[in-house]
Amino acid sequence: MLKLLREVCHKQVLILGDFNYSDVDWTTYTAVSSASHDCCEFINIVEDYFLTQHVLCPTRCDTILDLVFSREPELVSDLEV
């Protein structure tokens, strides 16, 4: 999945799904110290390609697992969980 993400991130794109990166704080785009390598790499890709993560409230229990990304923040509005 990370390879595919790198391939499409330079385009105008909307990426959404259940990513299962529970170790990420999406308000600061940081991972806990015990996060997996894939999780850290995912955050690096998000930052490298200037993606905005639009889901800011928990989608399962107290965790944000379902994510919506875009390169253009104004592309997404009125998001409901």
PDB file of N, CA and C in Angstrom:
ATOM      1  N   MET A   1       0.809  -1.179   0.000  1.00  0.00           N
ATOM      2  CA  MET A   1       0.000   0.000   0.000  1.00  0.00           C
ATOM      3  C   MET A   1       0.865   1.260   0.000  1.00  0.00           C
ATOM      4  N   LEU A   2       1.969   1.268   0.710  1.00  0.00           N
ATOM      5  CA  LEU A   2       2.819   2.453   0.767  1.00  0.00           C
ATOM      6  C   LEU A   2       3.378   2.800  -0.612  1.00  0.00           C
ATOM      7  N   LYS A   3       3.716   1.780  -1.400  1.00  0.00           N
ATOM      8  CA  LYS A   3       4.230   2.017  -2.751  1.00  0.00           C
ATOM      9  C   LYS A   3       3.155   2.683  -3.614  1.00  0.00           C
ATOM     10  N   LEU A   4       1.936   2.187  -3.541  1.00  0.00           N
ATOM     11  CA  LEU A   4       0.836   2.772  -4.298  1.00  0.00           C
ATOM     12  C   LEU A   4       0.572   4.206  -3.857  1.00  0.00           C
ATOM     13  N   LEU A   5       0.635   4.456  -2.585  1.00  0.00           N
ATOM     14  CA  LEU A   5       0.427   5.803  -2.055  1.00  0.00           C
ATOM     15  C   LEU A   5       1.458   6.770  -2.630  1.00  0.00           C
ATOM     16  N   ARG A   6       2.706   6.348  -2.682  1.00  0.00           N
ATOM     17  CA  ARG A   6       3.759   7.197  -3.264  1.00  0.00           C
ATOM     18  C   ARG A   6       3.490   7.511  -4.737  1.00  0.00           C
ATOM     19  N   GLU A   7       2.937   6.538  -5.453  1.00  0.00           N
ATOM     20  CA  GLU A   7       2.689   6.715  -6.887  1.00  0.00           C
ATOM     21  C   GLU A   7       1.578   7.717  -7.178  1.00  0.00           C
ATOM     22  N   VAL A   8       0.579   7.804  -6.331  1.00  0.00           N
ATOM     23  CA  VAL A   8      -0.567   8.669  -6.629  1.00  0.00           C
ATOM     24  C   VAL A   8      -0.543  10.005  -5.900  1.00  0.00           C
ATOM     25  N   CYS A   9       0.283  10.161  -4.906  1.00  0.00           N
ATOM     26  CA  CYS A   9       0.246  11.345  -4.051  1.00  0.00           C
ATOM     27  C   CYS A   9       0.651  12.640  -4.725  1.00  0.00           C
ATOM     28  N   HIS A  10       1.357  12.582  -5.821  1.00  0.00           N
ATOM     29  CA  HIS A  10       1.764  13.816  -6.489  1.00  0.00           C
ATOM     30  C   HIS A  10       0.654  14.366  -7.388  1.00  0.00           C
ATOM     31  N   LYS A  11      -0.459  13.646  -7.507  1.00  0.00           N
ATOM     32  CA  LYS A  11      -1.587  14.063  -8.336  1.00  0.00           C
ATOM     33  C   LYS A  11      -2.689  14.640  -7.451  1.00  0.00           C
ATOM     34  N   GLN A  12      -3.681  15.263  -8.096  1.00  0.00           N
ATOM     35  CA  GLN A  12      -4.856  15.688  -7.340  1.00  0.00           C
ATOM     36  C   GLN A  12      -5.629  14.422  -6.998  1.00  0.00           C
ATOM     37  N   VAL A  13      -5.705  14.117  -5.712  1.00  0.00           N
ATOM     38  CA  VAL A  13      -6.230  12.822  -5.321  1.00  0.00           C
ATOM     39  C   VAL A  13      -6.987  12.930  -4.000  1.00  0.00           C
ATOM     40  N   LEU A  14      -7.975  12.067  -3.847  1.00  0.00           N
ATOM     41  CA  LEU A  14      -8.695  11.897  -2.593  1.00  0.00           C
ATOM     42  C   LEU A  14      -8.514  10.443  -2.192  1.00  0.00           C
ATOM     43  N   ILE A  15      -7.918  10.215  -1.036  1.00  0.00           N
ATOM     44  CA  ILE A  15      -7.615   8.860  -0.562  1.00  0.00           C
ATOM     45  C   ILE A  15      -8.402   8.638   0.713  1.00  0.00           C
ATOM     46  N   LEU A  16      -9.169   7.551   0.771  1.00  0.00           N
ATOM     47  CA  LEU A  16      -9.920   7.286   1.984  1.00  0.00           C
ATOM     48  C   LEU A  16     -10.009   5.799   2.244  1.00  0.00           C
ATOM     49  N   GLY A  17     -10.132   5.477   3.519  1.00  0.00           N
ATOM     50  CA  GLY A  17     -10.266   4.080   3.892  1.00  0.00           C
ATOM     51  C   GLY A  17      -9.920   3.847   5.344  1.00  0.00           C
ATOM     52  N   ASP A  18      -9.948   2.585   5.709  1.00  0.00           N
ATOM     53  CA  ASP A  18      -9.614   2.137   7.058  1.00  0.00           C
ATOM     54  C   ASP A  18      -8.136   1.760   7.049  1.00  0.00           C
ATOM     55  N   PHE A  19      -7.296   2.598   7.633  1.00  0.00           N
ATOM     56  CA  PHE A  19      -5.851   2.407   7.560  1.00  0.00           C
ATOM     57  C   PHE A  19      -5.278   1.681   8.771  1.00  0.00           C
ATOM     58  N   ASN A  20      -6.013   1.622   9.866  1.00  0.00           N
ATOM     59  CA  ASN A  20      -5.590   0.904  11.074  1.00  0.00           C
ATOM     60  C   ASN A  20      -4.252   1.370  11.644  1.00  0.00           C
ATOM     61  N   TYR A  21      -3.979   2.656  11.584  1.00  0.00           N
ATOM     62  CA  TYR A  21      -2.803   3.215  12.234  1.00  0.00           C
ATOM     63  C   TYR A  21      -3.251   3.892  13.523  1.00  0.00           C
ATOM     64  N   SER A  22      -3.503   3.080  14.521  1.00  0.00           N
ATOM     65  CA  SER A  22      -4.017   3.598  15.796  1.00  0.00           C
ATOM     66  C   SER A  22      -2.944   4.306  16.617  1.00  0.00           C
ATOM     67  N   ASP A  23      -1.691   4.184  16.225  1.00  0.00           N
ATOM     68  CA  ASP A  23      -0.589   4.800  16.967  1.00  0.00           C
ATOM     69  C   ASP A  23      -0.288   6.233  16.529  1.00  0.00           C
ATOM     70  N   VAL A  24      -1.157   6.817  15.708  1.00  0.00           N
ATOM     71  CA  VAL A  24      -0.919   8.160  15.190  1.00  0.00           C
ATOM     72  C   VAL A  24      -1.839   9.168  15.871  1.00  0.00           C
ATOM     73  N   ASP A  25      -1.261  10.286  16.264  1.00  0.00           N
ATOM     74  CA  ASP A  25      -2.038  11.427  16.735  1.00  0.00           C
ATOM     75  C   ASP A  25      -2.215  12.336  15.525  1.00  0.00           C
ATOM     76  N   TRP A  26      -3.416  12.383  14.961  1.00  0.00           N
ATOM     77  CA  TRP A  26      -3.633  13.111  13.718  1.00  0.00           C
ATOM     78  C   TRP A  26      -3.733  14.616  13.908  1.00  0.00           C
ATOM     79  N   THR A  27      -3.765  15.094  15.132  1.00  0.00           N
ATOM     80  CA  THR A  27      -3.720  16.545  15.326  1.00  0.00           C
ATOM     81  C   THR A  27      -2.293  17.068  15.198  1.00  0.00           C
ATOM     82  N   THR A  28      -1.306  16.198  15.463  1.00  0.00           N
ATOM     83  CA  THR A  28       0.106  16.600  15.368  1.00  0.00           C
ATOM     84  C   THR A  28       0.881  15.822  14.302  1.00  0.00           C
ATOM     85  N   TYR A  29       0.233  14.827  13.688  1.00  0.00           N
ATOM     86  CA  TYR A  29       0.880  13.977  12.675  1.00  0.00           C
ATOM     87  C   TYR A  29       2.123  13.305  13.252  1.00  0.00           C
ATOM     88  N   THR A  30       1.992  12.794  14.460  1.00  0.00           N
ATOM     89  CA  THR A  30       3.097  12.080  15.103  1.00  0.00           C
ATOM     90  C   THR A  30       2.625  10.705  15.555  1.00  0.00           C
ATOM     91  N   ALA A  31       3.584   9.796  15.669  1.00  0.00           N
ATOM     92  CA  ALA A  31       3.285   8.438  16.126  1.00  0.00           C
ATOM     93  C   ALA A  31       3.906   8.223  17.500  1.00  0.00           C
ATOM     94  N   VAL A  32       3.312   7.319  18.246  1.00  0.00           N
ATOM     95  CA  VAL A  32       3.898   6.959  19.530  1.00  0.00           C
ATOM     96  C   VAL A  32       5.225   6.257  19.282  1.00  0.00           C
ATOM     97  N   SER A  33       6.072   6.258  20.272  1.00  0.00           N
ATOM     98  CA  SER A  33       7.424   5.704  20.095  1.00  0.00           C
ATOM     99  C   SER A  33       7.424   4.212  19.756  1.00  0.00           C
ATOM    100  N   SER A  34       6.372   3.498  20.137  1.00  0.00           N
ATOM    101  CA  SER A  34       6.319   2.066  19.859  1.00  0.00           C
ATOM    102  C   SER A  34       5.625   1.744  18.527  1.00  0.00           C
ATOM    103  N   ALA A  35       5.365   2.742  17.712  1.00  0.00           N
ATOM    104  CA  ALA A  35       4.669   2.528  16.439  1.00  0.00           C
ATOM    105  C   ALA A  35       5.516   1.690  15.487  1.00  0.00           C
ATOM    106  N   SER A  36       4.848   0.968  14.625  1.00  0.00           N
ATOM    107  CA  SER A  36       5.534   0.113  13.659  1.00  0.00           C
ATOM    108  C   SER A  36       6.275   0.955  12.617  1.00  0.00           C
ATOM    109  N   HIS A  37       7.204   0.301  11.936  1.00  0.00           N
ATOM    110  CA  HIS A  37       7.944   0.968  10.855  1.00  0.00           C
ATOM    111  C   HIS A  37       6.983   1.441   9.766  1.00  0.00           C
ATOM    112  N   ASP A  38       5.999   0.599   9.403  1.00  0.00           N
ATOM    113  CA  ASP A  38       5.008   0.976   8.392  1.00  0.00           C
ATOM    114  C   ASP A  38       4.244   2.228   8.798  1.00  0.00           C
ATOM    115  N   CYS A  39       3.889   2.308  10.047  1.00  0.00           N
ATOM    116  CA  CYS A  39       3.152   3.468  10.552  1.00  0.00           C
ATOM    117  C   CYS A  39       3.995   4.735  10.412  1.00  0.00           C
ATOM    118  N   CYS A  40       5.230   4.669  10.802  1.00  0.00           N
ATOM    119  CA  CYS A  40       6.133   5.829  10.695  1.00  0.00           C
ATOM    120  C   CYS A  40       6.369   6.207   9.239  1.00  0.00           C
ATOM    121  N   GLU A  41       6.531   5.208   8.390  1.00  0.00           N
ATOM    122  CA  GLU A  41       6.711   5.459   6.961  1.00  0.00           C
ATOM    123  C   GLU A  41       5.459   6.115   6.369  1.00  0.00           C
ATOM    124  N   PHE A  42       4.302   5.674   6.805  1.00  0.00           N
ATOM    125  CA  PHE A  42       3.040   6.248   6.339  1.00  0.00           C
ATOM    126  C   PHE A  42       2.964   7.733   6.693  1.00  0.00           C
ATOM    127  N   ILE A  43       3.304   8.079   7.913  1.00  0.00           N
ATOM    128  CA  ILE A  43       3.296   9.485   8.326  1.00  0.00           C
ATOM    129  C   ILE A  43       4.287  10.287   7.481  1.00  0.00           C
ATOM    130  N   ASN A  44       5.453   9.724   7.210  1.00  0.00           N
ATOM    131  CA  ASN A  44       6.444  10.409   6.373  1.00  0.00           C
ATOM    132  C   ASN A  44       5.895  10.693   4.972  1.00  0.00           C
ATOM    133  N   ILE A  45       5.196   9.730   4.403  1.00  0.00           N
ATOM    134  CA  ILE A  45       4.605   9.917   3.077  1.00  0.00           C
ATOM    135  C   ILE A  45       3.552  11.021   3.121  1.00  0.00           C
ATOM    136  N   VAL A  46       2.704  10.992   4.132  1.00  0.00           N
ATOM    137  CA  VAL A  46       1.668  12.016   4.290  1.00  0.00           C
ATOM    138  C   VAL A  46       2.303  13.402   4.352  1.00  0.00           C
ATOM    139  N   GLU A  47       3.367  13.533   5.105  1.00  0.00           N
ATOM    140  CA  GLU A  47       4.044  14.825   5.225  1.00  0.00           C
ATOM    141  C   GLU A  47       4.808  15.194   3.952  1.00  0.00           C
ATOM    142  N   ASP A  48       5.507  14.239   3.353  1.00  0.00           N
ATOM    143  CA  ASP A  48       6.303  14.513   2.152  1.00  0.00           C
ATOM    144  C   ASP A  48       5.447  15.004   0.985  1.00  0.00           C
ATOM    145  N   TYR A  49       4.215  14.499   0.906  1.00  0.00           N
ATOM    146  CA  TYR A  49       3.343  14.865  -0.207  1.00  0.00           C
ATOM    147  C   TYR A  49       2.275  15.890   0.196  1.00  0.00           C
ATOM    148  N   PHE A  50       2.458  16.482   1.365  1.00  0.00           N
ATOM    149  CA  PHE A  50       1.588  17.562   1.840  1.00  0.00           C
ATOM    150  C   PHE A  50       0.109  17.163   1.841  1.00  0.00           C
ATOM    151  N   LEU A  51      -0.159  15.950   2.312  1.00  0.00           N
ATOM    152  CA  LEU A  51      -1.535  15.500   2.394  1.00  0.00           C
ATOM    153  C   LEU A  51      -2.181  16.022   3.669  1.00  0.00           C
ATOM    154  N   THR A  52      -3.447  16.381   3.561  1.00  0.00           N
ATOM    155  CA  THR A  52      -4.230  16.783   4.724  1.00  0.00           C
ATOM    156  C   THR A  52      -5.123  15.619   5.112  1.00  0.00           C
ATOM    157  N   GLN A  53      -5.119  15.274   6.390  1.00  0.00           N
ATOM    158  CA  GLN A  53      -5.992  14.228   6.916  1.00  0.00           C
ATOM    159  C   GLN A  53      -7.201  14.951   7.502  1.00  0.00           C
ATOM    160  N   HIS A  54      -8.394  14.634   7.017  1.00  0.00           N
ATOM    161  CA  HIS A  54      -9.595  15.403   7.328  1.00  0.00           C
ATOM    162  C   HIS A  54     -10.416  14.863   8.499  1.00  0.00           C
ATOM    163  N   VAL A  55     -10.219  13.625   8.888  1.00  0.00           N
ATOM    164  CA  VAL A  55     -11.020  13.043   9.979  1.00  0.00           C
ATOM    165  C   VAL A  55     -10.340  13.378  11.305  1.00  0.00           C
ATOM    166  N   LEU A  56     -11.031  14.111  12.162  1.00  0.00           N
ATOM    167  CA  LEU A  56     -10.425  14.558  13.411  1.00  0.00           C
ATOM    168  C   LEU A  56     -11.145  14.058  14.654  1.00  0.00           C
ATOM    169  N   CYS A  57     -12.170  13.249  14.483  1.00  0.00           N
ATOM    170  CA  CYS A  57     -12.825  12.660  15.649  1.00  0.00           C
ATOM    171  C   CYS A  57     -12.815  11.142  15.504  1.00  0.00           C
ATOM    172  N   PRO A  58     -12.856  10.435  16.614  1.00  0.00           N
ATOM    173  CA  PRO A  58     -12.733   8.977  16.592  1.00  0.00           C
ATOM    174  C   PRO A  58     -13.757   8.300  15.684  1.00  0.00           C
ATOM    175  N   THR A  59     -13.296   7.281  14.983  1.00  0.00           N
ATOM    176  CA  THR A  59     -14.184   6.512  14.111  1.00  0.00           C
ATOM    177  C   THR A  59     -14.480   5.127  14.678  1.00  0.00           C
ATOM    178  N   ARG A  60     -13.643   4.670  15.605  1.00  0.00           N
ATOM    179  CA  ARG A  60     -13.864   3.409  16.317  1.00  0.00           C
ATOM    180  C   ARG A  60     -13.370   3.547  17.741  1.00  0.00           C
ATOM    181  N   CYS A  61     -14.295   3.424  18.669  1.00  0.00           N
ATOM    182  CA  CYS A  61     -13.984   3.641  20.089  1.00  0.00           C
ATOM    183  C   CYS A  61     -13.327   5.015  20.234  1.00  0.00           C
ATOM    184  N   ASP A  62     -12.117   5.085  20.765  1.00  0.00           N
ATOM    185  CA  ASP A  62     -11.446   6.374  20.949  1.00  0.00           C
ATOM    186  C   ASP A  62     -10.348   6.612  19.917  1.00  0.00           C
ATOM    187  N   THR A  63     -10.401   5.891  18.808  1.00  0.00           N
ATOM    188  CA  THR A  63      -9.305   5.923  17.839  1.00  0.00           C
ATOM    189  C   THR A  63      -9.789   6.373  16.464  1.00  0.00           C
ATOM    190  N   ILE A  64      -8.950   7.116  15.780  1.00  0.00           N
ATOM    191  CA  ILE A  64      -9.231   7.511  14.399  1.00  0.00           C
ATOM    192  C   ILE A  64      -8.546   6.498  13.484  1.00  0.00           C
ATOM    193  N   LEU A  65      -9.340   5.582  12.925  1.00  0.00           N
ATOM    194  CA  LEU A  65      -8.799   4.562  12.032  1.00  0.00           C
ATOM    195  C   LEU A  65      -9.230   4.793  10.586  1.00  0.00           C
ATOM    196  N   ASP A  66     -10.429   5.331  10.390  1.00  0.00           N
ATOM    197  CA  ASP A  66     -10.928   5.628   9.048  1.00  0.00           C
ATOM    198  C   ASP A  66     -10.465   7.019   8.684  1.00  0.00           C
ATOM    199  N   LEU A  67      -9.702   7.126   7.608  1.00  0.00           N
ATOM    200  CA  LEU A  67      -9.027   8.374   7.266  1.00  0.00           C
ATOM    201  C   LEU A  67      -9.438   8.863   5.884  1.00  0.00           C
ATOM    202  N   VAL A  68      -9.380  10.181   5.710  1.00  0.00           N
ATOM    203  CA  VAL A  68      -9.640  10.820   4.423  1.00  0.00           C
ATOM    204  C   VAL A  68      -8.508  11.817   4.183  1.00  0.00           C
ATOM    205  N   PHE A  69      -7.786  11.638   3.085  1.00  0.00           N
ATOM    206  CA  PHE A  69      -6.648  12.497   2.745  1.00  0.00           C
ATOM    207  C   PHE A  69      -6.888  13.209   1.423  1.00  0.00           C
ATOM    208  N   SER A  70      -6.364  14.422   1.335  1.00  0.00           N
ATOM    209  CA  SER A  70      -6.336  15.130   0.057  1.00  0.00           C
ATOM    210  C   SER A  70      -5.113  16.040   0.043  1.00  0.00           C
ATOM    211  N   ARG A  71      -4.713  16.443  -1.147  1.00  0.00           N
ATOM    212  CA  ARG A  71      -3.616  17.413  -1.273  1.00  0.00           C
ATOM    213  C   ARG A  71      -4.152  18.823  -1.204  1.00  0.00           C
ATOM    214  N   GLU A  72      -5.447  18.968  -1.408  1.00  0.00           N
ATOM    215  CA  GLU A  72      -6.088  20.270  -1.382  1.00  0.00           C
ATOM    216  C   GLU A  72      -7.119  20.279  -0.255  1.00  0.00           C
ATOM    217  N   PRO A  73      -6.843  20.964   0.854  1.00  0.00           N
ATOM    218  CA  PRO A  73      -7.740  20.932   2.007  1.00  0.00           C
ATOM    219  C   PRO A  73      -9.177  21.331   1.683  1.00  0.00           C
ATOM    220  N   GLU A  74      -9.374  22.242   0.737  1.00  0.00           N
ATOM    221  CA  GLU A  74     -10.728  22.684   0.407  1.00  0.00           C
ATOM    222  C   GLU A  74     -11.514  21.647  -0.402  1.00  0.00           C
ATOM    223  N   LEU A  75     -10.882  20.560  -0.797  1.00  0.00           N
ATOM    224  CA  LEU A  75     -11.542  19.505  -1.554  1.00  0.00           C
ATOM    225  C   LEU A  75     -12.580  18.774  -0.699  1.00  0.00           C
ATOM    226  N   VAL A  76     -12.398  18.752   0.603  1.00  0.00           N
ATOM    227  CA  VAL A  76     -13.298  18.025   1.502  1.00  0.00           C
ATOM    228  C   VAL A  76     -13.982  19.032   2.437  1.00  0.00           C
ATOM    229  N   SER A  77     -15.304  18.915   2.509  1.00  0.00           N
ATOM    230  CA  SER A  77     -16.061  19.746   3.446  1.00  0.00           C
ATOM    231  C   SER A  77     -17.246  18.934   3.970  1.00  0.00           C
ATOM    232  N   ASP A  78     -17.766  19.363   5.084  1.00  0.00           N
ATOM    233  CA  ASP A  78     -18.930  18.709   5.693  1.00  0.00           C
ATOM    234  C   ASP A  78     -18.723  17.214   5.919  1.00  0.00           C
ATOM    235  N   LEU A  79     -17.592  16.861   6.460  1.00  0.00           N
ATOM    236  CA  LEU A  79     -17.280  15.462   6.745  1.00  0.00           C
ATOM    237  C   LEU A  79     -17.998  15.036   8.021  1.00  0.00           C
ATOM    238  N   GLU A  80     -18.715  13.918   7.957  1.00  0.00           N
ATOM    239  CA  GLU A  80     -19.409  13.376   9.132  1.00  0.00           C
ATOM    240  C   GLU A  80     -18.867  12.009   9.463  1.00  0.00           C
ATOM    241  N   VAL A  81     -18.680  11.763  10.747  1.00  0.00           N
ATOM    242  CA  VAL A  81     -18.252  10.437  11.207  1.00  0.00           C
ATOM    243  C   VAL A  81     -19.472   9.691  11.686  1.00  0.00           C
TER     244      VAL A  81
END
